[in-house]
Amino acid sequence: MKYKNKKLNIENVSVQKIAKIYGTPTYCYSYNNLKENIKKFKKSFKSFSPLICFAIKSNTNVNLIKEIKKFGLGADVVSIGELMMALKAGINPKKIVFSGVGKTSNEITYAINKNILLINAESKSEILEIEKIAKRKKNLMS
């Protein structure tokens, strides 16, 4: 965002013009800033090429998540709703990490059925629940 002739602009478009067209409140994102930030972040870690996951809880705008996906990022989710949002945006399930405390059996089952990359277990009881659900799925597939 920059001021031009004492008027605030985003991507060289007047914020007043955006407000006039779309009303207020209106959320604006800078695609160029997004792209540059992701490039810089990836460059900082290029020596070992990690999976970089966007925290869906920080912004659940499906269109923004779709743009982030185009840069090869995965998703960090903490609920079934966020997992569904990441999948809806086209994030590869093998690039999705499910974190967060208090995951329900339903959420764990859904994540396992979607073949996501991993589930971060937060407790021994959660590990046992994941194991139980995975065994049940394996038995159903046998």
Protein backbone atom coordinates (compact mmCIF):
# COMPACT_ATOMS: atom_id res chain seq x y z
CA MET A 1 0.00 0.00 0.00
CA LYS A 2 1.32 3.40 -0.94
CA TYR A 3 0.12 6.96 -0.94
CA LYS A 4 -0.06 8.58 -4.36
CA ASN A 5 -1.18 12.22 -4.55
CA LYS A 6 -2.21 11.98 -0.88
CA LYS A 7 -4.53 9.04 -1.67
CA LEU A 8 -4.00 5.52 -0.39
CA ASN A 9 -3.49 2.94 -3.16
CA ILE A 10 -3.11 -0.80 -3.26
CA GLU A 11 -1.55 -2.27 -6.41
CA ASN A 12 -1.88 1.19 -8.00
CA VAL A 13 -5.64 1.29 -7.42
CA SER A 14 -7.17 3.95 -5.20
CA VAL A 15 -8.67 2.59 -2.01
CA GLN A 16 -11.48 5.13 -2.43
CA LYS A 17 -12.26 3.66 -5.86
CA ILE A 18 -12.32 0.13 -4.42
CA ALA A 19 -14.66 1.27 -1.62
CA LYS A 20 -16.93 3.03 -4.11
CA ILE A 21 -17.21 -0.08 -6.29
CA TYR A 22 -17.38 -2.77 -3.58
CA GLY A 23 -18.58 -0.87 -0.53
CA THR A 24 -17.10 -1.09 2.93
CA PRO A 25 -15.76 -2.91 4.71
CA THR A 26 -13.72 -4.43 1.90
CA TYR A 27 -10.70 -6.66 2.34
CA CYS A 28 -7.81 -6.05 -0.05
CA TYR A 29 -4.76 -8.21 -0.59
CA SER A 30 -1.64 -7.37 -2.53
CA TYR A 31 -0.89 -10.22 -4.89
CA ASN A 32 2.56 -8.81 -5.58
CA ASN A 33 3.40 -8.62 -1.87
CA LEU A 34 2.07 -12.12 -1.32
CA LYS A 35 4.17 -13.45 -4.18
CA GLU A 36 7.32 -11.65 -3.06
CA ASN A 37 6.95 -12.73 0.56
CA ILE A 38 6.51 -16.37 -0.43
CA LYS A 39 9.50 -16.19 -2.81
CA LYS A 40 11.72 -14.67 -0.11
CA PHE A 41 10.59 -17.20 2.48
CA LYS A 42 11.22 -20.14 0.13
CA LYS A 43 14.61 -18.73 -0.85
CA SER A 44 15.65 -18.59 2.81
CA PHE A 45 15.15 -22.35 3.10
CA LYS A 46 16.08 -23.52 -0.39
CA SER A 47 19.17 -25.40 0.82
CA PHE A 48 16.92 -28.16 2.20
CA SER A 49 13.60 -27.49 0.45
CA PRO A 50 11.09 -28.00 3.29
CA LEU A 51 7.35 -28.27 2.94
CA ILE A 52 6.05 -24.81 3.78
CA CYS A 53 2.50 -24.85 5.10
CA PHE A 54 0.20 -21.84 5.27
CA ALA A 55 -1.76 -21.66 8.54
CA ILE A 56 -5.34 -21.69 7.31
CA LYS A 57 -6.53 -20.23 10.63
CA SER A 58 -4.74 -17.00 9.72
CA ASN A 59 -6.98 -16.46 6.68
CA THR A 60 -9.79 -18.73 5.45
CA ASN A 61 -10.45 -16.82 2.24
CA VAL A 62 -10.63 -19.69 -0.28
CA ASN A 63 -9.48 -17.45 -3.15
CA LEU A 64 -6.39 -16.40 -1.23
CA ILE A 65 -5.65 -20.05 -0.35
CA LYS A 66 -5.97 -20.96 -4.05
CA GLU A 67 -3.33 -18.34 -4.89
CA ILE A 68 -1.03 -19.60 -2.14
CA LYS A 69 -1.42 -23.14 -3.51
CA LYS A 70 -0.07 -21.96 -6.87
CA PHE A 71 3.27 -21.30 -5.16
CA GLY A 72 3.51 -24.91 -4.02
CA LEU A 73 2.66 -24.32 -0.38
CA GLY A 74 0.83 -26.81 1.77
CA ALA A 75 -1.62 -26.13 4.57
CA ASP A 76 -1.53 -26.34 8.35
CA VAL A 77 -5.05 -26.93 9.67
CA VAL A 78 -6.49 -27.22 13.19
CA SER A 79 -10.07 -28.33 12.50
CA ILE A 80 -12.18 -30.29 10.05
CA GLY A 81 -13.54 -26.99 8.70
CA GLU A 82 -10.05 -25.74 7.92
CA LEU A 83 -9.16 -29.12 6.39
CA MET A 84 -12.24 -28.92 4.15
CA MET A 85 -11.31 -25.34 3.20
CA ALA A 86 -7.76 -26.39 2.23
CA LEU A 87 -9.09 -29.26 0.11
CA LYS A 88 -11.71 -26.99 -1.48
CA ALA A 89 -8.91 -24.60 -2.45
CA GLY A 90 -7.10 -27.49 -4.15
CA ILE A 91 -4.27 -28.05 -1.69
CA ASN A 92 -2.77 -31.49 -2.28
CA PRO A 93 -3.73 -33.73 0.69
CA LYS A 94 -0.10 -34.89 0.82
CA LYS A 95 0.80 -31.29 1.71
CA ILE A 96 -1.66 -30.95 4.59
CA VAL A 97 -0.66 -31.13 8.25
CA PHE A 98 -3.39 -31.44 10.89
CA SER A 99 -2.33 -29.86 14.19
CA GLY A 100 -4.29 -28.61 17.16
CA VAL A 101 -5.56 -29.97 20.43
CA GLY A 102 -8.78 -31.83 21.05
CA LYS A 103 -9.32 -33.39 17.63
CA THR A 104 -12.53 -35.41 17.57
CA SER A 105 -12.78 -38.99 16.28
CA ASN A 106 -14.80 -37.61 13.36
CA GLU A 107 -12.04 -35.11 12.47
CA ILE A 108 -9.33 -37.78 12.72
CA THR A 109 -11.37 -40.21 10.60
CA TYR A 110 -11.95 -37.53 7.96
CA ALA A 111 -8.24 -36.65 7.85
CA ILE A 112 -7.23 -40.30 7.52
CA ASN A 113 -9.82 -40.90 4.79
CA LYS A 114 -8.46 -37.89 2.87
CA ASN A 115 -4.92 -39.34 3.10
CA ILE A 116 -3.36 -36.14 4.39
CA LEU A 117 0.38 -36.01 5.00
CA LEU A 118 0.31 -36.15 8.79
CA ILE A 119 -1.60 -35.63 11.97
CA ASN A 120 0.31 -33.99 14.81
CA ALA A 121 -0.80 -35.91 17.89
CA GLU A 122 -1.11 -33.73 20.98
CA SER A 123 -1.55 -36.49 23.58
CA LYS A 124 -1.19 -40.21 24.19
CA SER A 125 -4.97 -40.62 24.01
CA GLU A 126 -4.96 -38.94 20.59
CA ILE A 127 -2.25 -41.33 19.38
CA LEU A 128 -4.35 -44.28 20.55
CA GLU A 129 -7.44 -42.85 18.79
CA ILE A 130 -5.51 -42.36 15.53
CA GLU A 131 -4.20 -45.92 15.77
CA LYS A 132 -7.71 -47.32 16.44
CA ILE A 133 -9.22 -45.45 13.47
CA ALA A 134 -6.35 -46.42 11.14
CA LYS A 135 -6.64 -50.10 12.14
CA ARG A 136 -10.41 -50.03 11.56
CA LYS A 137 -9.84 -48.53 8.09
CA LYS A 138 -7.17 -51.12 7.29
CA ASN A 139 -9.52 -53.96 8.32
CA LEU A 140 -12.30 -52.54 6.14
CA MET A 141 -9.94 -52.44 3.16
CA SER A 142 -8.72 -56.03 3.65
